[in-house]
N, C-alpha and C. Protein backbone atom coordinates (compact mmCIF):
# COMPACT_ATOMS: atom_id res chain seq x y z
N MET A 1 -18.76 32.31 -0.03
CA MET A 1 -17.48 31.62 -1.53
C MET A 1 -19.00 31.81 -2.01
N ASN A 2 -18.48 32.16 -3.51
CA ASN A 2 -19.14 31.81 -4.54
C ASN A 2 -19.85 30.20 -4.78
N GLU A 3 -20.40 29.66 -5.97
CA GLU A 3 -21.16 28.25 -6.26
C GLU A 3 -19.64 27.58 -7.42
N GLU A 4 -19.25 28.13 -7.64
CA GLU A 4 -18.07 27.93 -8.88
C GLU A 4 -16.25 28.18 -8.07
N LYS A 5 -16.46 28.70 -7.22
CA LYS A 5 -16.05 27.97 -5.45
C LYS A 5 -15.43 26.60 -5.49
N ARG A 6 -17.20 26.78 -4.85
CA ARG A 6 -17.22 25.32 -3.90
C ARG A 6 -17.13 24.36 -4.20
N GLN A 7 -17.91 24.23 -6.22
CA GLN A 7 -17.45 23.05 -6.85
C GLN A 7 -15.83 23.02 -7.45
N LEU A 8 -15.10 23.49 -7.15
CA LEU A 8 -13.55 23.09 -7.75
C LEU A 8 -13.26 22.57 -6.49
N LEU A 9 -13.76 23.14 -5.05
CA LEU A 9 -12.62 22.55 -3.62
C LEU A 9 -13.83 20.91 -3.76
N GLU A 10 -14.85 20.68 -4.03
CA GLU A 10 -15.54 20.43 -3.58
C GLU A 10 -14.89 18.79 -5.26
N GLU A 11 -14.70 19.04 -6.46
CA GLU A 11 -13.48 18.52 -7.13
C GLU A 11 -12.28 17.40 -6.54
N TRP A 12 -11.99 18.56 -6.25
CA TRP A 12 -11.17 18.31 -5.77
C TRP A 12 -10.35 17.55 -4.54
N LEU A 13 -11.86 17.45 -3.58
CA LEU A 13 -11.70 16.41 -2.71
C LEU A 13 -12.38 15.13 -2.71
N ARG A 14 -12.61 15.13 -4.34
CA ARG A 14 -13.42 13.60 -5.19
C ARG A 14 -11.39 13.72 -5.14
N ASP A 15 -11.26 13.60 -5.83
CA ASP A 15 -9.96 14.10 -6.57
C ASP A 15 -9.01 13.28 -5.59
N THR A 16 -9.30 14.12 -4.33
CA THR A 16 -8.10 14.09 -3.05
C THR A 16 -8.34 12.50 -2.38
N LYS A 17 -9.08 12.58 -2.84
CA LYS A 17 -9.65 10.75 -1.56
C LYS A 17 -9.51 9.75 -2.17
N LEU A 18 -9.82 10.31 -3.31
CA LEU A 18 -9.99 9.12 -4.63
C LEU A 18 -8.43 7.91 -4.20
N ARG A 19 -7.13 9.15 -4.98
CA ARG A 19 -5.50 9.48 -4.38
C ARG A 19 -5.38 8.58 -2.97
N ARG A 20 -5.86 8.79 -2.08
CA ARG A 20 -5.61 8.47 -0.59
C ARG A 20 -6.18 7.36 -0.54
N ALA A 21 -7.23 6.67 -1.38
CA ALA A 21 -8.12 5.25 -1.27
C ALA A 21 -6.82 4.90 -1.63
N THR A 22 -6.20 5.56 -2.75
CA THR A 22 -5.64 4.22 -3.99
C THR A 22 -4.33 4.12 -3.39
N GLN A 23 -3.49 5.13 -2.54
CA GLN A 23 -2.28 4.88 -1.96
C GLN A 23 -2.44 4.39 -0.80
N TYR A 24 -3.76 4.48 0.32
CA TYR A 24 -4.05 3.74 0.28
C TYR A 24 -4.11 1.51 0.67
N LEU A 25 -4.89 1.37 0.27
CA LEU A 25 -4.98 0.08 -0.76
C LEU A 25 -3.66 -0.67 -1.22
N SER A 26 -3.05 -0.04 -1.96
CA SER A 26 -1.55 -0.19 -2.63
C SER A 26 -0.57 -0.96 -1.09
N ALA A 27 -0.69 0.40 -0.21
CA ALA A 27 -0.49 -0.26 0.89
C ALA A 27 -0.19 -1.42 1.32
N VAL A 28 -1.73 -1.47 1.58
CA VAL A 28 -2.04 -2.72 2.07
C VAL A 28 -2.03 -4.55 1.04
N HIS A 29 -1.76 -4.13 0.08
CA HIS A 29 -1.76 -5.10 -1.13
C HIS A 29 0.04 -5.63 -1.00
N CYS A 30 1.13 -4.08 -1.42
CA CYS A 30 2.28 -4.53 -0.50
C CYS A 30 2.08 -5.54 -0.13
N ARG A 31 2.07 -5.09 2.15
CA ARG A 31 2.26 -5.43 2.70
C ARG A 31 2.10 -6.75 2.70
N ARG A 32 0.78 -6.86 2.24
CA ARG A 32 0.75 -8.46 2.00
C ARG A 32 0.66 -9.54 1.33
N GLN A 33 2.05 -9.21 0.17
CA GLN A 33 2.19 -9.88 -0.78
C GLN A 33 3.58 -9.94 0.31
N HIS A 34 4.21 -9.21 0.99
CA HIS A 34 5.62 -9.27 2.18
C HIS A 34 5.39 -10.42 3.15
N LEU A 35 3.61 -10.66 3.62
CA LEU A 35 3.31 -11.69 3.86
C LEU A 35 3.53 -12.75 3.45
N ARG A 36 2.96 -12.79 2.05
CA ARG A 36 2.71 -14.10 1.74
C ARG A 36 3.75 -14.72 0.81
N LEU A 37 5.32 -13.95 0.69
CA LEU A 37 6.67 -14.32 0.74
C LEU A 37 7.15 -14.90 2.18
N GLY A 38 7.29 -14.02 2.57
CA GLY A 38 7.81 -14.38 4.17
C GLY A 38 7.18 -15.05 5.11
N ILE A 39 6.07 -15.66 4.99
CA ILE A 39 5.58 -16.51 5.85
C ILE A 39 6.01 -17.83 5.10
N PRO A 40 6.44 -18.44 3.95
CA PRO A 40 6.33 -19.21 3.45
C PRO A 40 8.32 -19.48 3.48
N VAL A 41 8.33 -19.08 2.83
CA VAL A 41 10.07 -18.59 3.69
C VAL A 41 10.56 -19.35 5.08
N ILE A 42 9.49 -17.85 5.82
CA ILE A 42 10.07 -19.04 6.94
C ILE A 42 10.05 -20.27 7.67
N ILE A 43 8.54 -20.48 6.97
CA ILE A 43 8.61 -22.47 7.20
C ILE A 43 9.11 -22.85 6.83
N PHE A 44 9.63 -22.97 5.40
CA PHE A 44 10.69 -23.38 4.67
C PHE A 44 12.04 -23.54 4.80
N SER A 45 12.32 -22.78 5.50
CA SER A 45 13.49 -22.81 5.70
C SER A 45 14.18 -23.44 7.10
N THR A 46 12.79 -23.46 8.26
CA THR A 46 12.83 -23.94 9.51
C THR A 46 12.68 -25.51 8.98
N LEU A 47 11.51 -25.42 8.59
CA LEU A 47 12.20 -27.12 7.85
C LEU A 47 12.87 -28.15 7.08
N VAL A 48 14.30 -27.02 6.07
CA VAL A 48 15.25 -27.62 5.59
C VAL A 48 16.10 -27.07 7.07
N GLY A 49 16.26 -26.89 7.55
CA GLY A 49 16.93 -26.26 9.07
C GLY A 49 17.17 -27.71 10.24
N SER A 50 15.96 -27.83 10.16
CA SER A 50 15.10 -28.26 11.00
C SER A 50 15.36 -30.08 10.11
N SER A 51 15.54 -30.67 9.20
CA SER A 51 15.96 -32.15 8.19
C SER A 51 17.07 -31.77 8.15
N VAL A 52 17.77 -31.63 7.42
CA VAL A 52 19.04 -31.08 7.79
C VAL A 52 19.31 -31.59 8.88
N PHE A 53 19.16 -31.60 9.98
CA PHE A 53 20.25 -31.55 10.93
C PHE A 53 19.65 -33.03 11.59
N ALA A 54 18.22 -33.91 10.94
CA ALA A 54 18.29 -34.80 11.62
C ALA A 54 18.25 -36.36 10.22
N THR A 55 19.04 -35.34 9.39
CA THR A 55 20.02 -36.06 8.63
C THR A 55 20.99 -36.26 8.75
N LEU A 56 22.18 -35.49 9.52
CA LEU A 56 23.56 -35.05 10.11
C LEU A 56 23.66 -36.26 11.53
N ASN A 57 22.23 -36.12 11.91
CA ASN A 57 22.05 -37.59 13.16
C ASN A 57 22.10 -39.22 12.37
N ALA A 58 21.64 -39.58 11.00
CA ALA A 58 20.58 -40.23 10.71
C ALA A 58 22.17 -41.45 9.73
N ASP A 59 22.60 -42.56 9.70
CA ASP A 59 22.79 -42.56 8.04
C ASP A 59 22.91 -42.50 7.18
N THR A 60 24.00 -42.36 6.43
CA THR A 60 23.94 -41.54 4.96
C THR A 60 23.41 -42.10 4.61
N ASP A 61 23.22 -43.99 3.97
CA ASP A 61 22.94 -44.17 3.81
C ASP A 61 21.76 -44.21 4.17
N GLU A 62 20.54 -44.79 4.60
CA GLU A 62 19.19 -44.51 5.96
C GLU A 62 18.22 -43.97 5.21
N VAL A 63 19.07 -42.77 4.13
CA VAL A 63 18.40 -41.46 4.29
C VAL A 63 17.89 -41.19 2.61
N SER A 64 16.86 -41.69 2.22
CA SER A 64 16.67 -42.23 0.56
C SER A 64 16.80 -40.81 -0.27
N ILE A 65 17.15 -41.14 -1.24
CA ILE A 65 17.06 -40.28 -2.69
C ILE A 65 16.23 -39.00 -2.16
N CYS A 66 14.99 -40.06 -2.06
CA CYS A 66 13.86 -38.80 -2.60
C CYS A 66 13.70 -38.31 -1.58
N LEU A 67 13.80 -37.91 -0.37
CA LEU A 67 13.71 -37.72 0.76
C LEU A 67 15.14 -36.16 0.99
N LYS A 68 16.53 -36.49 0.38
CA LYS A 68 17.14 -35.72 -0.09
C LYS A 68 16.80 -34.75 -1.51
N ILE A 69 16.91 -34.69 -2.48
CA ILE A 69 16.04 -34.40 -3.28
C ILE A 69 14.01 -33.26 -2.89
N THR A 70 14.02 -34.04 -2.32
CA THR A 70 12.57 -33.14 -1.42
C THR A 70 12.93 -32.08 -1.02
N LEU A 71 14.12 -32.46 -0.07
CA LEU A 71 14.82 -30.80 0.83
C LEU A 71 15.53 -30.64 -0.21
N GLY A 72 16.18 -30.61 -0.91
CA GLY A 72 16.85 -29.69 -2.09
C GLY A 72 16.40 -28.75 -2.58
N LEU A 73 14.23 -29.31 -3.01
CA LEU A 73 13.67 -28.08 -3.86
C LEU A 73 12.98 -28.03 -2.86
N VAL A 74 12.68 -28.27 -1.35
CA VAL A 74 12.18 -27.07 -0.83
C VAL A 74 13.07 -25.59 -0.18
N ALA A 75 15.02 -26.44 0.28
CA ALA A 75 15.65 -24.81 0.25
C ALA A 75 15.62 -24.40 -1.27
N LEU A 76 15.83 -24.71 -2.73
CA LEU A 76 15.76 -23.76 -3.29
C LEU A 76 14.84 -23.06 -3.55
N THR A 77 13.09 -23.11 -2.88
CA THR A 77 12.50 -22.82 -3.25
C THR A 77 12.49 -21.30 -2.09
N SER A 78 12.48 -21.74 -0.88
CA SER A 78 13.23 -21.21 0.46
C SER A 78 14.34 -20.31 0.22
N ALA A 79 14.68 -20.38 -0.67
CA ALA A 79 15.73 -19.05 -1.07
C ALA A 79 15.56 -18.32 -2.40
N VAL A 80 14.61 -18.60 -2.76
CA VAL A 80 13.93 -18.34 -4.77
C VAL A 80 13.31 -17.18 -4.09
N LEU A 81 12.50 -17.57 -3.20
CA LEU A 81 11.57 -16.68 -2.59
C LEU A 81 11.89 -15.98 -1.36
N ALA A 82 12.45 -16.28 -0.44
CA ALA A 82 13.67 -15.13 -0.19
C ALA A 82 14.18 -13.73 -1.13
N ALA A 83 14.87 -14.11 -2.08
CA ALA A 83 15.61 -13.84 -3.20
C ALA A 83 14.15 -12.76 -3.73
N LEU A 84 12.70 -12.73 -4.09
CA LEU A 84 11.96 -12.60 -3.79
C LEU A 84 11.54 -11.24 -3.52
N GLN A 85 11.48 -11.05 -1.85
CA GLN A 85 11.08 -11.31 -1.12
C GLN A 85 12.11 -10.07 -0.91
N THR A 86 13.15 -9.83 -1.16
CA THR A 86 14.02 -9.05 -0.42
C THR A 86 14.12 -7.94 -1.84
N PHE A 87 13.65 -8.12 -3.72
CA PHE A 87 14.18 -7.88 -4.35
C PHE A 87 12.87 -6.94 -4.57
N LEU A 88 12.25 -7.14 -4.24
CA LEU A 88 10.87 -6.65 -4.45
C LEU A 88 10.49 -5.40 -3.35
N ARG A 89 10.89 -5.64 -2.71
CA ARG A 89 11.51 -4.77 -1.44
C ARG A 89 9.53 -4.14 -0.98
N PHE A 90 8.21 -4.82 -0.11
CA PHE A 90 7.30 -4.38 -0.61
C PHE A 90 7.43 -3.58 0.83
N PRO A 91 8.01 -4.01 2.05
CA PRO A 91 7.77 -2.85 3.19
C PRO A 91 8.06 -1.27 2.40
N GLU A 92 9.19 -1.98 1.77
CA GLU A 92 8.92 -0.31 1.97
C GLU A 92 8.22 0.19 1.12
N GLN A 93 8.09 -0.14 -0.23
CA GLN A 93 6.59 0.54 -1.03
C GLN A 93 5.81 0.75 0.00
N ALA A 94 5.51 -0.02 0.85
CA ALA A 94 4.48 0.08 1.57
C ALA A 94 4.19 0.86 2.28
N GLU A 95 5.99 1.54 2.84
CA GLU A 95 6.09 2.44 3.74
C GLU A 95 5.58 3.85 2.71
N ARG A 96 5.87 3.88 1.78
CA ARG A 96 5.89 5.17 0.48
C ARG A 96 3.99 5.32 0.69
N PHE A 97 3.47 3.86 0.27
CA PHE A 97 2.38 4.72 -0.08
C PHE A 97 1.54 5.22 0.99
N SER A 98 1.94 4.52 2.73
CA SER A 98 1.27 5.37 3.44
C SER A 98 1.79 6.56 3.45
N VAL A 99 2.84 7.34 3.33
CA VAL A 99 2.57 8.77 3.40
C VAL A 99 2.36 9.81 2.52
N ALA A 100 2.04 8.93 1.95
CA ALA A 100 1.14 9.09 0.32
C ALA A 100 -0.37 9.35 0.96
N ASN A 101 -0.67 8.60 1.61
CA ASN A 101 -2.51 8.31 2.32
C ASN A 101 -1.90 9.08 3.35
N ARG A 102 -1.09 9.85 4.54
CA ARG A 102 -1.42 10.03 5.27
C ARG A 102 -1.51 11.38 4.37
N THR A 103 -0.46 12.62 3.99
CA THR A 103 -0.71 13.15 2.81
C THR A 103 -1.78 14.59 2.58
N TYR A 104 -2.50 12.98 1.43
CA TYR A 104 -4.03 13.03 0.82
C TYR A 104 -5.19 13.18 1.71
N ASN A 105 -4.99 12.13 2.90
CA ASN A 105 -5.71 12.48 4.59
C ASN A 105 -5.58 13.57 4.59
N ARG A 106 -4.86 14.93 5.42
CA ARG A 106 -4.47 16.44 5.75
C ARG A 106 -4.72 17.17 4.35
N LEU A 107 -4.61 16.50 3.29
CA LEU A 107 -5.26 17.70 2.32
C LEU A 107 -6.45 17.79 2.40
N GLU A 108 -7.52 16.56 2.61
CA GLU A 108 -8.28 16.42 2.34
C GLU A 108 -9.27 17.10 4.24
N LYS A 109 -8.37 16.60 4.89
CA LYS A 109 -9.51 17.64 5.51
C LYS A 109 -9.46 18.61 5.63
N GLU A 110 -8.48 19.26 4.94
CA GLU A 110 -8.55 20.55 5.30
C GLU A 110 -9.61 21.89 3.83
N ILE A 111 -9.52 20.25 2.91
CA ILE A 111 -10.21 20.68 1.78
C ILE A 111 -11.57 20.87 2.79
N GLU A 112 -11.78 19.90 3.47
CA GLU A 112 -13.26 19.65 3.62
C GLU A 112 -13.77 21.09 5.14
N GLN A 113 -12.28 21.24 5.62
CA GLN A 113 -12.20 22.80 6.02
C GLN A 113 -12.97 23.45 5.94
N LEU A 114 -12.13 23.94 4.26
CA LEU A 114 -12.06 24.85 3.63
C LEU A 114 -14.08 25.18 3.28
N ILE A 115 -14.32 23.99 3.22
CA ILE A 115 -15.49 23.94 2.58
C ILE A 115 -16.45 23.97 3.38
N ALA A 116 -16.96 23.73 4.64
CA ALA A 116 -17.88 23.59 6.01
C ALA A 116 -17.79 25.33 6.53
N PHE A 117 -15.93 25.77 6.75
CA PHE A 117 -15.87 26.51 7.98
C PHE A 117 -15.23 27.64 6.44
N PRO A 118 -15.84 28.42 5.28
CA PRO A 118 -15.46 29.36 4.09
C PRO A 118 -15.27 30.64 4.38
N PRO A 119 -13.60 30.64 5.01
CA PRO A 119 -13.33 32.00 4.86
C PRO A 119 -13.99 32.67 4.21
N SER A 120 -13.75 34.44 4.57
CA SER A 120 -13.26 35.54 3.26
C SER A 120 -12.60 34.73 2.01
N ASP A 121 -13.91 36.27 1.40
CA ASP A 121 -12.88 35.93 -0.33
C ASP A 121 -11.57 35.86 -0.15
N GLU A 122 -10.67 37.34 0.10
CA GLU A 122 -9.01 37.12 -0.05
C GLU A 122 -8.97 36.13 0.27
N VAL A 123 -9.04 35.77 2.33
CA VAL A 123 -8.60 34.43 2.49
C VAL A 123 -8.32 33.06 2.12
N LEU A 124 -9.36 33.46 1.40
CA LEU A 124 -9.92 31.39 0.30
C LEU A 124 -9.14 31.25 -0.76
N GLU A 125 -9.03 32.72 -1.26
CA GLU A 125 -7.57 32.82 -2.53
C GLU A 125 -6.22 32.32 -2.07
N LYS A 126 -5.62 32.38 -1.60
CA LYS A 126 -4.62 32.98 -0.73
C LYS A 126 -4.68 30.98 -0.43
N ALA A 127 -5.99 30.56 0.56
CA ALA A 127 -5.62 29.83 0.70
C ALA A 127 -6.16 28.57 -0.21
N VAL A 128 -6.55 28.24 -1.36
CA VAL A 128 -6.58 28.10 -2.02
C VAL A 128 -5.38 27.52 -2.88
N ASP A 129 -4.90 29.09 -3.49
CA ASP A 129 -3.65 28.78 -4.20
C ASP A 129 -2.66 28.02 -3.31
N ASP A 130 -2.86 28.43 -2.13
CA ASP A 130 -1.85 27.51 -1.22
C ASP A 130 -1.91 25.86 -1.09
N LEU A 131 -3.60 25.44 -1.85
CA LEU A 131 -3.46 23.99 -2.29
C LEU A 131 -3.59 23.81 -2.82
N ARG A 132 -3.28 24.28 -3.67
CA ARG A 132 -3.60 23.84 -4.99
C ARG A 132 -1.51 23.75 -5.46
N GLN A 133 -1.34 24.15 -4.91
CA GLN A 133 0.48 24.40 -4.84
C GLN A 133 1.10 22.82 -3.97
N ARG A 134 0.02 22.73 -2.31
CA ARG A 134 0.36 21.38 -2.08
C ARG A 134 0.01 20.04 -2.11
N ILE A 135 -1.41 19.56 -3.18
CA ILE A 135 -1.46 18.64 -3.83
C ILE A 135 -1.10 18.46 -4.99
N ASP A 136 -0.79 19.97 -6.23
CA ASP A 136 0.51 18.89 -7.18
C ASP A 136 2.04 18.64 -6.28
N ASN A 137 2.11 19.19 -4.93
CA ASN A 137 3.45 18.64 -4.47
C ASN A 137 3.40 17.19 -3.92
N ALA A 138 2.04 17.20 -3.52
CA ALA A 138 1.61 15.00 -2.98
C ALA A 138 2.15 14.61 -4.16
N ILE A 139 1.30 15.41 -5.16
CA ILE A 139 0.84 14.09 -6.60
C ILE A 139 2.31 14.08 -6.69
N ASP A 140 3.36 15.41 -7.22
CA ASP A 140 4.57 15.10 -7.57
C ASP A 140 5.25 13.67 -6.58
N GLN A 141 5.38 14.05 -5.54
CA GLN A 141 6.06 13.19 -4.17
C GLN A 141 5.51 11.47 -4.22
N ALA A 142 3.88 11.43 -4.28
CA ALA A 142 3.07 10.18 -4.33
C ALA A 142 4.57 9.16 -5.52
N PRO A 143 4.57 7.67 -4.80
CA PRO A 143 4.26 6.74 -5.55
C PRO A 143 3.27 6.11 -6.51
N PRO A 144 3.07 6.12 -7.69
CA PRO A 144 2.27 5.72 -8.56
C PRO A 144 1.43 4.61 -8.02
N ALA A 145 -0.45 4.87 -7.97
CA ALA A 145 -1.13 3.94 -6.94
C ALA A 145 -0.63 2.53 -7.76
N LEU A 146 -0.91 1.00 -7.15
CA LEU A 146 -0.61 0.29 -8.34
C LEU A 146 -2.66 0.50 -9.31
N GLU A 147 -2.02 -0.78 -10.49
CA GLU A 147 -3.01 -0.66 -11.61
C GLU A 147 -3.44 -0.67 -11.52
N HIS A 148 -3.77 -1.96 -10.60
CA HIS A 148 -5.33 -2.81 -10.71
C HIS A 148 -5.70 -2.16 -8.99
N VAL A 149 -5.10 -1.51 -8.39
CA VAL A 149 -5.78 -0.96 -6.67
C VAL A 149 -6.49 0.58 -7.56
N TRP A 150 -5.57 1.30 -8.89
CA TRP A 150 -6.40 2.62 -9.37
C TRP A 150 -7.54 2.36 -9.97
N ARG A 151 -7.08 1.04 -11.19
CA ARG A 151 -8.52 0.48 -11.13
C ARG A 151 -9.74 -0.03 -10.69
N ARG A 152 -9.72 -0.43 -9.47
CA ARG A 152 -10.81 -1.03 -8.61
C ARG A 152 -11.24 0.34 -7.71
N VAL A 153 -10.06 1.22 -7.04
CA VAL A 153 -11.21 2.67 -6.70
C VAL A 153 -11.74 3.50 -7.96
N ARG A 154 -11.40 3.54 -8.67
CA ARG A 154 -11.48 4.54 -9.66
C ARG A 154 -13.20 3.40 -10.11
N ASP A 155 -13.30 2.46 -10.71
CA ASP A 155 -14.66 2.13 -11.38
C ASP A 155 -15.77 1.93 -10.06
N LYS A 156 -15.25 2.38 -8.46
CA LYS A 156 -16.21 2.86 -7.68
C LYS A 156 -17.08 3.82 -7.90
N PRO A 157 -16.23 4.97 -8.42
CA PRO A 157 -16.58 6.43 -8.30
C PRO A 157 -17.81 6.86 -7.09
N ASN A 158 -18.62 6.37 -7.42
CA ASN A 158 -20.52 6.69 -6.41
C ASN A 158 -19.98 6.36 -4.76
N ARG A 159 -18.76 5.15 -4.93
CA ARG A 159 -19.05 5.14 -3.28
C ARG A 159 -18.72 6.20 -2.14
N ASP A 160 -19.10 6.19 -0.74
CA ASP A 160 -18.06 7.09 -0.36
C ASP A 160 -17.01 6.64 0.57
N LEU A 161 -16.37 7.45 -0.34
CA LEU A 161 -14.58 7.16 0.56
C LEU A 161 -14.07 6.96 1.71
N SER A 162 -14.27 8.31 2.04
CA SER A 162 -14.76 8.47 3.91
C SER A 162 -15.05 7.81 4.89
N SER A 163 -15.47 6.40 4.58
CA SER A 163 -16.01 4.97 5.43
C SER A 163 -16.29 4.15 5.10
N ASP A 164 -15.29 3.52 3.60
CA ASP A 164 -15.44 2.38 3.20
C ASP A 164 -14.43 1.15 4.16
N LYS A 165 -14.79 1.05 5.09
CA LYS A 165 -14.01 0.11 6.42
C LYS A 165 -14.20 -1.51 5.22
N LYS A 166 -15.60 -1.76 4.54
CA LYS A 166 -15.63 -2.91 4.19
C LYS A 166 -13.99 -3.10 2.83
N ASP A 167 -13.72 -2.22 2.07
CA ASP A 167 -12.56 -2.98 1.44
C ASP A 167 -11.57 -1.85 1.63
N GLY A 168 -11.25 -1.64 2.72
CA GLY A 168 -9.63 -0.91 3.27
C GLY A 168 -9.45 0.53 3.52
N ILE A 169 -10.29 1.12 3.08
CA ILE A 169 -10.35 2.48 3.06
C ILE A 169 -10.90 3.20 4.28
N THR A 170 -9.75 3.89 4.81
CA THR A 170 -10.55 4.31 6.02
C THR A 170 -9.61 5.90 5.80
N ASN A 171 -10.22 6.85 6.57
CA ASN A 171 -9.84 8.51 6.79
C ASN A 171 -8.26 8.36 7.11
N GLY A 172 -7.72 7.12 7.72
CA GLY A 172 -6.68 8.03 8.25
C GLY A 172 -5.12 7.15 8.28
């Protein structure tokens, strides 16, 4: 393999690692957002449900207006959060990002293998052409990474993206 082909593969490897990292971190973000909405929904719904049963047993004149308003607001907040959770579809988004992450991970390993164990020039030319088509297809199929995630990964180009566990970027 000549130096020009090696540089091309190394450039594709860097780009693939960046794309994998953004997809992974976007998936992590979506999972966290799902929990940030879901946990309060569960807590508020439980509080409202328990309070409603408690007030059914109490004399309605004894239940203060303040408690009724508070329960109403908590119930409304719970409903709004549940609606947002359904509308924003964070689990589905996270899965799409995870699929793209796995695709980029496979491409990354293949590029690393071509660099480490270069085949004959004839085989390499076909492999590179096939790889380019699959990279293009992966880019077309992947959801766009979240903008703040893309900036975060892009602005730190010198870090080793193959083992950055601190930021949640992993090889798999």
